[in-house]
Amino acid sequence: MHPTYLGRILLRWCDRCHTPVLAKTCAACGSPTREVPLTPPGDARPAFPADITLINDIFCKHFGAPLVPDGHLVLLNKVPDTDRMEEIVVGGGIAGSIRYIPQERRWEPIPRPEAARLFLPTRRTVTVDDTAVPFIRDQGMSVLRPGVASIEDHVAKGDEVFILAKDGTCIGVGRAKAGAGEARAMQKGQVVRSRRNTPSVIEPGAATWQDAILSNAAVIDQYEAEAVNFVKNVAAAYPLQPTISYSGGKDSLATFLVVRKALGNVPLLFADTGLEFPETYANVDAMENQYQAEVVRTPTAEKFWTTLARQGPPAVNARWCCSVCKLLPVAATIRSTWGECLSFIGQRRYESLSRAQSDRIWQNPIVKVQLSAAPIQDWTALHVWLYLFREEAPYNRLYEHRLDRIGCFMCPSSDMALIHMIETDFAGLWNGWVNELESWREAQGLPEDWIKTGAWRIREDTHGKESHHH
């Protein structure tokens, strides 16, 4: 899984304010900021309390102590992996990652040595003799049996471990090649395979998101002004009815705020797939109440169920759902309401390669009556969140429930980490979907574990194209 740059990585850190900053200078204290070495695409987002609880639970279970100290700002950066992996940014450095293992339905921590600036592991540690320290710490050599002073009882083969010197300082991290009992019985051989990462600096310190807004005041003003200007120019160049494609997600909310400042209130176009989370419908209602926004809803897509009965469930490589539930109903609604329109859409380059390569103004081949424009094309997720926090906008509460993107609850493009969470926390929604899948599985004579393993998300016999985001 090769990381791809979709745009410049803009994340930096102010060590005086202990905040993430998207500029070379902190607007709050004037200090120069330093780069945070994110893995690309580098679209880091704020960790909400539920995210931090998850991280701390994983580290407690594995290493005997929570990673993140109280009051510290944390960012999560999704990196390419077979299912889901998140880099954890605390104190301006990468403290490690958490990685989901779908077959075992569990998260595993993958720490970096810098994590020891934040907490002291009490489990899964391997202590080495002083003579071995420089080889492991400075040259990244693996831990060999003769160099081991002691090994903590919980270490099992394949576990992630911290490598410590006798005085308790962390000199490295890696994966155990032998469990505690086996390692103690060995005379020679490799006990831990060390891992080298891009080094980063962690400076612990507490701060709030309010502090982060102040640290980024100038850059957020600048990005907002550019986007507002873009909206005004596009609206002047194309005298069509302006609208906002609203999904209930953070990007369409930021787009709404920008368009409202440029043009005043314009109608929101909400594609009601009938497959949204209740929180998303609540968010659309909140927009109507808080901003007196006019919401034009597409008729709920009944056609999803008839297509499902005919073609089977949508899959990552056969996403018929987007055109059936969103694009075609949107096209019909635009035709009957305005004839044609200009839609401002919350598309951003950091989301995917196709979006990074997209023009800022385009026409979807399926929705010819809609001209689309992307005011926040060059914003990162952190620009969006700082803007929403600053504007006190009513964002979708699902983000506080560890979702990083908002869409249909059973989207086949979701990773298994998310699907397992929805299965547990939104059982009512999920069980209904499983019943539909079960009917199709039985009719097609598919294997017993077709649903459980997530195989329903991949179509064996077809190669569909990702439809353009709405």
Protein backbone atom coordinates (compact mmCIF):
# COMPACT_ATOMS: atom_id res chain seq x y z
CA MET A 1 0.00 0.00 0.00
CA HIS A 2 1.99 2.99 -1.23
CA PRO A 3 1.24 6.40 0.26
CA THR A 4 0.41 9.03 -2.38
CA TYR A 5 0.84 12.78 -2.13
CA LEU A 6 -2.45 14.44 -3.17
CA GLY A 7 -1.22 17.90 -2.21
CA ARG A 8 1.42 19.53 -0.01
CA ILE A 9 1.44 18.36 3.60
CA LEU A 10 0.71 21.54 5.53
CA LEU A 11 0.62 20.38 9.15
CA ARG A 12 3.02 22.08 11.56
CA TRP A 13 3.16 22.54 15.35
CA CYS A 14 3.64 25.37 17.83
CA ASP A 15 5.62 24.15 20.85
CA ARG A 16 4.79 27.24 22.88
CA CYS A 17 0.98 26.96 22.45
CA HIS A 18 0.99 23.13 22.05
CA THR A 19 -1.31 23.44 19.03
CA PRO A 20 -1.35 22.19 15.43
CA VAL A 21 -0.78 25.09 13.01
CA LEU A 22 -1.28 25.26 9.23
CA ALA A 23 1.23 28.07 8.71
CA LYS A 24 4.92 28.73 9.33
CA THR A 25 4.14 31.13 12.18
CA CYS A 26 1.70 30.71 15.07
CA ALA A 27 -0.87 33.52 14.92
CA ALA A 28 -1.39 33.39 18.68
CA CYS A 29 2.20 33.79 19.97
CA GLY A 30 4.22 34.65 16.85
CA SER A 31 6.59 31.69 17.31
CA PRO A 32 7.89 29.84 14.27
CA THR A 33 6.23 26.43 13.88
CA ARG A 34 7.86 23.14 12.93
CA GLU A 35 6.85 20.47 10.44
CA VAL A 36 5.03 17.32 11.54
CA PRO A 37 6.26 14.36 9.43
CA LEU A 38 2.88 12.87 8.48
CA THR A 39 2.60 9.91 6.15
CA PRO A 40 0.87 11.07 2.93
CA PRO A 41 -1.80 11.93 1.92
CA GLY A 42 -1.53 13.66 5.31
CA ASP A 43 -5.14 14.73 5.79
CA ALA A 44 -5.01 14.76 9.60
CA ARG A 45 -8.18 15.48 11.56
CA PRO A 46 -8.96 16.25 15.22
CA ALA A 47 -9.39 13.27 17.53
CA PHE A 48 -12.64 13.60 19.48
CA PRO A 49 -12.95 12.26 23.06
CA ALA A 50 -14.24 8.89 21.77
CA ASP A 51 -11.17 8.55 19.52
CA ILE A 52 -8.83 9.32 22.43
CA THR A 53 -10.67 6.82 24.64
CA LEU A 54 -10.19 4.16 21.95
CA ILE A 55 -6.45 4.92 21.64
CA ASN A 56 -5.97 4.87 25.42
CA ASP A 57 -7.93 1.61 25.78
CA ILE A 58 -5.76 -0.06 23.11
CA PHE A 59 -2.53 1.11 24.77
CA CYS A 60 -3.74 0.19 28.28
CA LYS A 61 -4.69 -3.30 27.16
CA HIS A 62 -1.38 -3.85 25.42
CA PHE A 63 1.19 -1.79 27.33
CA GLY A 64 -0.49 -1.34 30.71
CA ALA A 65 -0.93 2.45 30.55
CA PRO A 66 -2.83 5.08 28.51
CA LEU A 67 -0.86 6.85 25.76
CA VAL A 68 -2.48 10.29 25.70
CA PRO A 69 -2.21 12.50 28.82
CA ASP A 70 -5.28 14.54 29.81
CA GLY A 71 -5.80 17.85 28.06
CA HIS A 72 -3.52 17.20 25.07
CA LEU A 73 -4.71 17.90 21.53
CA VAL A 74 -4.56 14.81 19.34
CA LEU A 75 -4.81 14.44 15.56
CA LEU A 76 -5.48 11.25 13.61
CA ASN A 77 -4.03 10.71 10.15
CA LYS A 78 -5.48 7.84 8.10
CA VAL A 79 -2.70 6.03 6.23
CA PRO A 80 -2.87 3.38 3.51
CA ASP A 81 -3.31 -0.14 4.89
CA THR A 82 -5.16 -3.36 4.06
CA ASP A 83 -8.10 -2.25 6.24
CA ARG A 84 -7.62 0.77 8.51
CA MET A 85 -4.63 2.37 10.13
CA GLU A 86 -4.44 5.74 11.90
CA GLU A 87 -1.31 7.66 12.78
CA ILE A 88 -1.54 9.37 16.18
CA VAL A 89 -0.16 12.91 16.41
CA VAL A 90 0.40 14.25 19.95
CA GLY A 91 2.74 17.03 21.03
CA GLY A 92 3.66 17.70 17.41
CA GLY A 93 5.10 14.25 16.73
CA ILE A 94 3.95 10.79 15.67
CA ALA A 95 3.53 8.69 18.82
CA GLY A 96 2.61 5.61 16.80
CA SER A 97 -0.40 4.14 15.01
CA ILE A 98 -3.38 1.95 15.67
CA ARG A 99 -4.19 -0.72 13.11
CA TYR A 100 -7.36 -2.77 12.71
CA ILE A 101 -7.17 -6.54 12.20
CA PRO A 102 -10.63 -7.48 10.83
CA GLN A 103 -10.24 -11.27 11.13
CA GLU A 104 -9.63 -10.90 14.87
CA ARG A 105 -11.94 -7.89 15.31
CA ARG A 106 -9.30 -6.04 17.28
CA TRP A 107 -7.02 -3.02 17.12
CA GLU A 108 -3.29 -3.34 17.57
CA PRO A 109 -1.00 -0.51 18.69
CA ILE A 110 2.14 0.15 16.67
CA PRO A 111 4.14 2.51 18.86
CA ARG A 112 7.13 4.67 18.00
CA PRO A 113 9.99 5.27 20.45
CA GLU A 114 8.83 8.90 20.85
CA ALA A 115 5.67 7.61 22.59
CA ALA A 116 7.81 7.18 25.72
CA ARG A 117 7.77 11.01 26.02
CA LEU A 118 4.06 10.66 26.88
CA PHE A 119 3.71 7.51 28.98
CA LEU A 120 5.61 4.64 30.64
CA PRO A 121 4.77 1.17 29.35
CA THR A 122 4.54 -1.44 32.12
CA ARG A 123 3.72 -4.45 29.92
CA ARG A 124 5.30 -5.91 26.78
CA THR A 125 8.74 -4.43 27.39
CA VAL A 126 12.14 -5.96 26.73
CA THR A 127 15.07 -4.60 28.73
CA VAL A 128 18.58 -4.90 27.30
CA ASP A 129 22.07 -4.78 28.76
CA ASP A 130 23.96 -1.48 28.63
CA THR A 131 26.44 -2.94 26.11
CA ALA A 132 23.60 -3.55 23.60
CA VAL A 133 22.08 -0.05 23.91
CA PRO A 134 24.17 1.88 21.32
CA PHE A 135 23.69 -0.82 18.64
CA ILE A 136 19.91 -0.85 19.04
CA ARG A 137 19.38 2.87 19.69
CA ASP A 138 21.86 4.33 17.19
CA GLN A 139 22.08 1.66 14.49
CA GLY A 140 18.57 0.19 14.66
CA MET A 141 19.90 -3.32 15.20
CA SER A 142 17.58 -6.05 16.38
CA VAL A 143 17.60 -7.40 19.96
CA LEU A 144 19.56 -10.66 20.17
CA ARG A 145 19.23 -13.10 23.07
CA PRO A 146 22.69 -12.43 24.59
CA GLY A 147 21.80 -8.71 24.93
CA VAL A 148 18.53 -9.29 26.82
CA ALA A 149 18.57 -8.39 30.52
CA SER A 150 14.87 -9.17 31.13
CA ILE A 151 11.62 -9.69 29.25
CA GLU A 152 8.17 -8.85 30.65
CA ASP A 153 5.79 -11.81 31.15
CA HIS A 154 3.06 -10.63 28.75
CA VAL A 155 5.32 -10.63 25.66
CA ALA A 156 4.02 -13.13 23.10
CA LYS A 157 5.49 -13.89 19.68
CA GLY A 158 4.33 -11.27 17.16
CA ASP A 159 3.57 -8.62 19.80
CA GLU A 160 4.65 -5.01 19.48
CA VAL A 161 7.13 -4.22 22.28
CA PHE A 162 9.09 -1.33 23.74
CA ILE A 163 12.85 -1.87 24.02
CA LEU A 164 14.21 -0.30 27.21
CA ALA A 165 17.66 0.34 28.67
CA LYS A 166 18.25 -0.77 32.28
CA ASP A 167 17.55 2.76 33.55
CA GLY A 168 14.06 2.57 31.96
CA THR A 169 14.67 4.86 28.97
CA CYS A 170 13.13 3.76 25.69
CA ILE A 171 15.74 3.03 23.01
CA GLY A 172 13.50 1.50 20.37
CA VAL A 173 10.38 -0.43 19.41
CA GLY A 174 9.77 -3.55 17.38
CA ARG A 175 8.00 -6.87 17.02
CA ALA A 176 8.78 -9.81 19.28
CA LYS A 177 10.14 -12.82 17.39
CA ALA A 178 9.69 -14.99 20.51
CA GLY A 179 7.41 -14.98 23.54
CA ALA A 180 8.70 -14.36 27.07
CA GLY A 181 9.02 -18.05 28.03
CA GLU A 182 10.62 -19.06 24.75
CA ALA A 183 13.05 -16.12 24.81
CA ARG A 184 14.22 -16.94 28.34
CA ALA A 185 14.99 -20.52 27.28
CA MET A 186 16.96 -19.40 24.19
CA GLN A 187 20.75 -19.18 24.13
CA LYS A 188 21.00 -17.18 20.91
CA GLY A 189 18.84 -15.80 18.12
CA GLN A 190 16.61 -12.78 17.53
CA VAL A 191 14.21 -11.78 20.32
CA VAL A 192 12.90 -8.48 18.87
CA ARG A 193 13.05 -7.25 15.32
CA SER A 194 13.56 -3.48 15.68
CA ARG A 195 11.67 -1.03 13.52
CA ARG A 196 13.00 2.21 12.09
CA ASN A 197 10.58 5.11 11.56
CA THR A 198 10.99 8.68 10.43
CA PRO A 199 11.97 10.35 13.71
CA SER A 200 9.73 13.11 15.05
CA VAL A 201 9.75 15.41 18.07
CA ILE A 202 7.12 15.17 20.78
CA GLU A 203 6.80 18.12 23.17
CA PRO A 204 4.00 17.29 25.62
CA GLY A 205 1.70 20.11 26.73
CA ALA A 206 -2.01 20.72 27.24
CA ALA A 207 -4.14 22.97 25.00
CA THR A 208 -7.74 23.33 23.78
CA TRP A 209 -9.27 23.56 20.31
CA GLN A 210 -10.05 27.17 21.18
CA ASP A 211 -6.26 27.71 21.48
CA ALA A 212 -5.79 26.01 18.09
CA ILE A 213 -8.32 28.40 16.50
CA LEU A 214 -6.26 31.37 17.76
CA SER A 215 -3.00 29.79 16.55
CA ASN A 216 -4.53 29.43 13.07
CA ALA A 217 -6.51 32.70 12.94
CA ALA A 218 -4.58 34.22 10.01
CA VAL A 219 -4.50 31.09 7.83
CA ILE A 220 -8.22 30.35 8.36
CA ASP A 221 -9.11 33.96 7.45
CA GLN A 222 -6.96 33.67 4.33
CA TYR A 223 -8.50 30.36 3.19
CA GLU A 224 -12.01 31.62 3.88
CA ALA A 225 -11.40 34.84 1.91
CA GLU A 226 -10.06 32.89 -1.09
CA ALA A 227 -13.05 30.51 -1.05
CA VAL A 228 -15.60 33.35 -0.70
CA ASN A 229 -13.95 35.15 -3.60
CA PHE A 230 -14.04 31.98 -5.71
CA VAL A 231 -17.78 31.56 -5.02
CA LYS A 232 -18.53 35.18 -5.99
CA ASN A 233 -16.54 34.89 -9.23
CA VAL A 234 -18.12 31.56 -10.24
CA ALA A 235 -21.65 32.81 -9.46
CA ALA A 236 -20.97 35.94 -11.56
CA ALA A 237 -19.53 33.93 -14.47
CA TYR A 238 -22.38 31.38 -14.56
CA PRO A 239 -25.75 33.05 -13.97
CA LEU A 240 -27.57 29.86 -12.93
CA GLN A 241 -29.54 29.21 -9.72
CA PRO A 242 -26.84 28.70 -7.05
CA THR A 243 -27.28 25.73 -4.70
CA ILE A 244 -25.18 23.77 -2.21
CA SER A 245 -24.89 19.99 -2.41
CA TYR A 246 -25.40 19.09 1.23
CA SER A 247 -24.62 15.62 2.58
CA GLY A 248 -24.64 16.22 6.33
CA GLY A 249 -20.85 15.94 6.33
CA LYS A 250 -18.19 18.42 7.47
CA ASP A 251 -17.03 19.44 3.97
CA SER A 252 -20.49 20.38 2.73
CA LEU A 253 -21.06 22.28 6.00
CA ALA A 254 -17.86 24.33 5.50
CA THR A 255 -18.92 24.92 1.87
CA PHE A 256 -22.33 26.15 3.08
CA LEU A 257 -20.69 28.66 5.46
CA VAL A 258 -18.43 30.00 2.71
CA VAL A 259 -21.25 30.28 0.14
CA ARG A 260 -23.50 31.97 2.70
CA LYS A 261 -20.84 34.64 3.28
CA ALA A 262 -20.45 35.13 -0.48
CA LEU A 263 -24.06 35.00 -1.70
CA GLY A 264 -26.35 34.91 1.36
CA ASN A 265 -28.67 31.95 1.87
CA VAL A 266 -29.00 29.65 -1.14
CA PRO A 267 -30.98 26.38 -1.22
CA LEU A 268 -29.38 23.18 0.07
CA LEU A 269 -29.78 20.14 -2.16
CA PHE A 270 -29.94 17.00 0.02
CA ALA A 271 -29.91 13.62 -1.72
CA ASP A 272 -32.07 11.51 0.59
CA THR A 273 -30.84 7.99 -0.14
CA GLY A 274 -33.06 6.49 2.57
CA LEU A 275 -29.82 4.91 3.84
CA GLU A 276 -28.58 7.75 6.02
CA PHE A 277 -27.87 7.58 9.75
CA PRO A 278 -30.53 9.23 11.98
CA GLU A 279 -27.82 11.71 13.04
CA THR A 280 -27.51 12.88 9.42
CA TYR A 281 -31.24 13.62 9.13
CA ALA A 282 -30.98 15.44 12.49
CA ASN A 283 -28.11 17.50 11.10
CA VAL A 284 -30.14 18.56 8.03
CA ASP A 285 -32.95 19.65 10.38
CA ALA A 286 -30.42 21.62 12.46
CA MET A 287 -29.34 23.50 9.32
CA GLU A 288 -32.94 24.50 8.65
CA ASN A 289 -33.38 25.69 12.24
CA GLN A 290 -30.07 27.43 12.89
CA TYR A 291 -29.66 29.16 9.52
CA GLN A 292 -33.25 29.23 8.17
CA ALA A 293 -31.78 27.38 5.21
CA GLU A 294 -34.12 26.12 2.50
CA VAL A 295 -33.54 22.37 2.04
CA VAL A 296 -34.62 20.75 -1.22
CA ARG A 297 -34.72 16.99 -0.66
CA THR A 298 -34.69 14.42 -3.43
CA PRO A 299 -37.47 11.82 -3.09
CA THR A 300 -36.18 8.86 -1.02
CA ALA A 301 -34.60 6.44 -3.46
CA GLU A 302 -36.99 3.46 -3.63
CA LYS A 303 -35.07 2.34 -6.68
CA PHE A 304 -32.21 1.19 -4.42
CA TRP A 305 -34.25 -1.80 -3.22
CA THR A 306 -35.51 -2.83 -6.65
CA THR A 307 -31.94 -2.62 -8.05
CA LEU A 308 -30.66 -4.59 -5.05
CA ALA A 309 -33.19 -7.36 -5.71
CA ARG A 310 -32.08 -7.49 -9.36
CA GLN A 311 -28.30 -6.93 -9.15
CA GLY A 312 -27.31 -7.81 -5.61
CA PRO A 313 -25.65 -5.42 -3.16
CA PRO A 314 -23.46 -2.56 -4.39
CA ALA A 315 -19.72 -3.21 -4.08
CA VAL A 316 -16.51 -1.19 -4.04
CA ASN A 317 -15.97 -2.14 -7.69
CA ALA A 318 -19.67 -1.94 -8.64
CA ARG A 319 -21.00 1.20 -7.03
CA TRP A 320 -24.34 1.38 -8.82
CA CYS A 321 -25.74 2.87 -5.58
CA CYS A 322 -24.26 6.34 -6.18
CA SER A 323 -26.01 6.89 -9.50
CA VAL A 324 -29.27 5.18 -8.41
CA CYS A 325 -29.56 6.88 -4.99
CA LYS A 326 -27.86 10.20 -5.59
CA LEU A 327 -27.02 11.29 -9.13
CA LEU A 328 -30.22 10.32 -10.97
CA PRO A 329 -32.62 11.60 -8.25
CA VAL A 330 -30.55 14.82 -7.99
CA ALA A 331 -30.72 15.34 -11.76
CA ALA A 332 -34.52 14.82 -11.71
CA THR A 333 -34.97 17.19 -8.75
CA ILE A 334 -32.86 19.93 -10.38
CA ARG A 335 -34.81 19.59 -13.63
CA SER A 336 -38.19 19.87 -11.92
CA THR A 337 -37.17 22.66 -9.48
CA TRP A 338 -34.88 25.01 -11.44
CA GLY A 339 -34.30 23.47 -14.87
CA GLU A 340 -30.55 23.65 -14.22
CA CYS A 341 -28.32 24.97 -11.44
CA LEU A 342 -24.86 25.80 -10.19
CA SER A 343 -23.95 23.57 -7.23
CA PHE A 344 -21.18 24.31 -4.76
CA ILE A 345 -19.80 20.99 -3.55
CA GLY A 346 -17.54 20.15 -0.59
CA GLN A 347 -14.97 18.29 -2.64
CA ARG A 348 -11.32 18.37 -1.46
CA ARG A 349 -8.13 17.22 -3.17
CA TYR A 350 -6.86 15.38 -0.08
CA GLU A 351 -9.75 12.88 -0.19
CA SER A 352 -8.68 10.77 -3.20
CA LEU A 353 -6.58 10.74 -6.35
CA SER A 354 -9.60 11.35 -8.61
CA ARG A 355 -10.54 14.41 -6.53
CA ALA A 356 -6.96 15.68 -6.46
CA GLN A 357 -6.94 15.57 -10.28
CA SER A 358 -10.42 17.04 -10.68
CA ASP A 359 -10.97 20.54 -12.01
CA ARG A 360 -12.35 23.05 -9.56
CA ILE A 361 -15.38 23.58 -11.84
CA TRP A 362 -16.79 20.58 -13.68
CA GLN A 363 -19.90 18.90 -15.03
CA ASN A 364 -20.89 15.41 -13.96
CA PRO A 365 -21.67 13.34 -17.10
CA ILE A 366 -24.75 11.84 -15.38
CA VAL A 367 -26.10 15.17 -14.05
CA LYS A 368 -25.83 17.39 -17.12
CA VAL A 369 -28.22 19.99 -15.64
CA GLN A 370 -25.77 20.68 -12.80
CA LEU A 371 -22.57 22.70 -13.03
CA SER A 372 -20.39 21.86 -10.01
CA ALA A 373 -17.76 24.00 -8.27
CA ALA A 374 -15.46 23.24 -5.31
CA PRO A 375 -14.73 26.27 -3.08
CA ILE A 376 -12.68 24.30 -0.51
CA GLN A 377 -10.75 22.15 -3.02
CA ASP A 378 -7.37 22.93 -1.40
CA TRP A 379 -8.40 22.74 2.26
CA THR A 380 -7.18 19.90 4.46
CA ALA A 381 -9.52 18.25 6.99
CA LEU A 382 -7.89 20.38 9.70
CA HIS A 383 -8.71 23.64 7.83
CA VAL A 384 -12.31 22.43 7.68
CA TRP A 385 -12.54 21.49 11.36
CA LEU A 386 -10.86 24.65 12.67
CA TYR A 387 -13.27 26.67 10.51
CA LEU A 388 -16.32 24.78 11.82
CA PHE A 389 -15.13 25.14 15.43
CA ARG A 390 -14.49 28.86 14.91
CA GLU A 391 -17.93 29.41 13.33
CA GLU A 392 -19.63 27.22 15.99
CA ALA A 393 -21.38 25.38 13.19
CA PRO A 394 -23.73 22.45 13.94
CA TYR A 395 -21.59 19.56 12.69
CA ASN A 396 -22.91 16.00 12.45
CA ARG A 397 -22.60 14.22 15.83
CA LEU A 398 -21.44 11.05 14.06
CA TYR A 399 -17.95 12.57 13.96
CA GLU A 400 -17.90 12.29 17.75
CA HIS A 401 -18.71 8.61 17.29
CA ARG A 402 -15.39 7.82 15.54
CA LEU A 403 -16.70 8.20 11.98
CA ASP A 404 -14.32 10.19 9.78
CA ARG A 405 -16.63 10.48 6.78
CA ILE A 406 -20.40 10.64 6.53
CA GLY A 407 -22.41 8.68 4.00
CA CYS A 408 -24.85 5.78 3.73
CA PHE A 409 -24.60 3.57 6.80
CA MET A 410 -23.88 0.46 4.69
CA CYS A 411 -21.49 2.03 2.16
CA PRO A 412 -19.46 -0.79 0.57
CA SER A 413 -16.41 1.50 0.49
CA SER A 414 -16.28 1.50 4.31
CA ASP A 415 -13.43 -0.43 5.90
CA MET A 416 -14.20 -3.37 8.18
CA ALA A 417 -13.16 -1.35 11.26
CA LEU A 418 -16.07 0.99 10.58
CA ILE A 419 -18.50 -1.79 9.62
CA HIS A 420 -17.79 -3.69 12.85
CA MET A 421 -18.33 -0.51 14.86
CA ILE A 422 -21.67 0.19 13.09
CA GLU A 423 -22.72 -3.44 13.62
CA THR A 424 -22.17 -2.99 17.38
CA ASP A 425 -23.28 0.60 17.97
CA PHE A 426 -26.06 0.93 15.34
CA ALA A 427 -27.38 -2.63 15.56
CA GLY A 428 -30.93 -1.71 14.50
CA LEU A 429 -29.76 -0.26 11.18
CA TRP A 430 -27.19 -2.97 10.58
CA ASN A 431 -29.43 -5.97 11.32
CA GLY A 432 -31.93 -4.77 8.71
CA TRP A 433 -29.14 -4.63 6.13
CA VAL A 434 -27.84 -8.08 7.10
CA ASN A 435 -31.34 -9.50 6.47
CA GLU A 436 -31.23 -8.08 2.92
CA LEU A 437 -27.74 -9.52 2.36
CA GLU A 438 -28.81 -12.87 3.76
CA SER A 439 -31.72 -13.12 1.27
CA TRP A 440 -29.32 -12.46 -1.62
CA ARG A 441 -26.70 -14.86 -0.23
CA GLU A 442 -29.25 -17.70 0.00
CA ALA A 443 -30.71 -16.99 -3.44
CA GLN A 444 -27.24 -17.04 -5.02
CA GLY A 445 -25.95 -20.01 -3.00
CA LEU A 446 -23.03 -17.96 -1.64
CA PRO A 447 -20.83 -19.30 1.19
CA GLU A 448 -21.88 -19.05 4.87
CA ASP A 449 -19.23 -16.45 5.77
CA TRP A 450 -19.91 -14.17 2.77
CA ILE A 451 -21.47 -11.49 4.98
CA LYS A 452 -19.27 -11.88 8.06
CA THR A 453 -15.96 -11.52 6.16
CA GLY A 454 -17.21 -8.47 4.26
CA ALA A 455 -16.97 -10.34 0.94
CA TRP A 456 -20.31 -8.76 -0.07
CA ARG A 457 -18.37 -5.49 -0.58
CA ILE A 458 -16.34 -6.88 -3.50
CA ARG A 459 -18.00 -8.04 -6.72
CA GLU A 460 -16.15 -10.96 -8.30
CA ASP A 461 -17.46 -10.53 -11.82
CA THR A 462 -17.36 -6.83 -12.62
CA HIS A 463 -15.23 -3.70 -12.69
CA GLY A 464 -17.35 -0.66 -11.97
CA LYS A 465 -15.99 2.88 -11.83
CA GLU A 466 -16.20 5.18 -8.84
CA SER A 467 -18.83 7.73 -9.72
CA HIS A 468 -17.93 11.37 -9.22
CA HIS A 469 -18.57 12.54 -5.66
CA HIS A 470 -21.78 14.37 -4.95
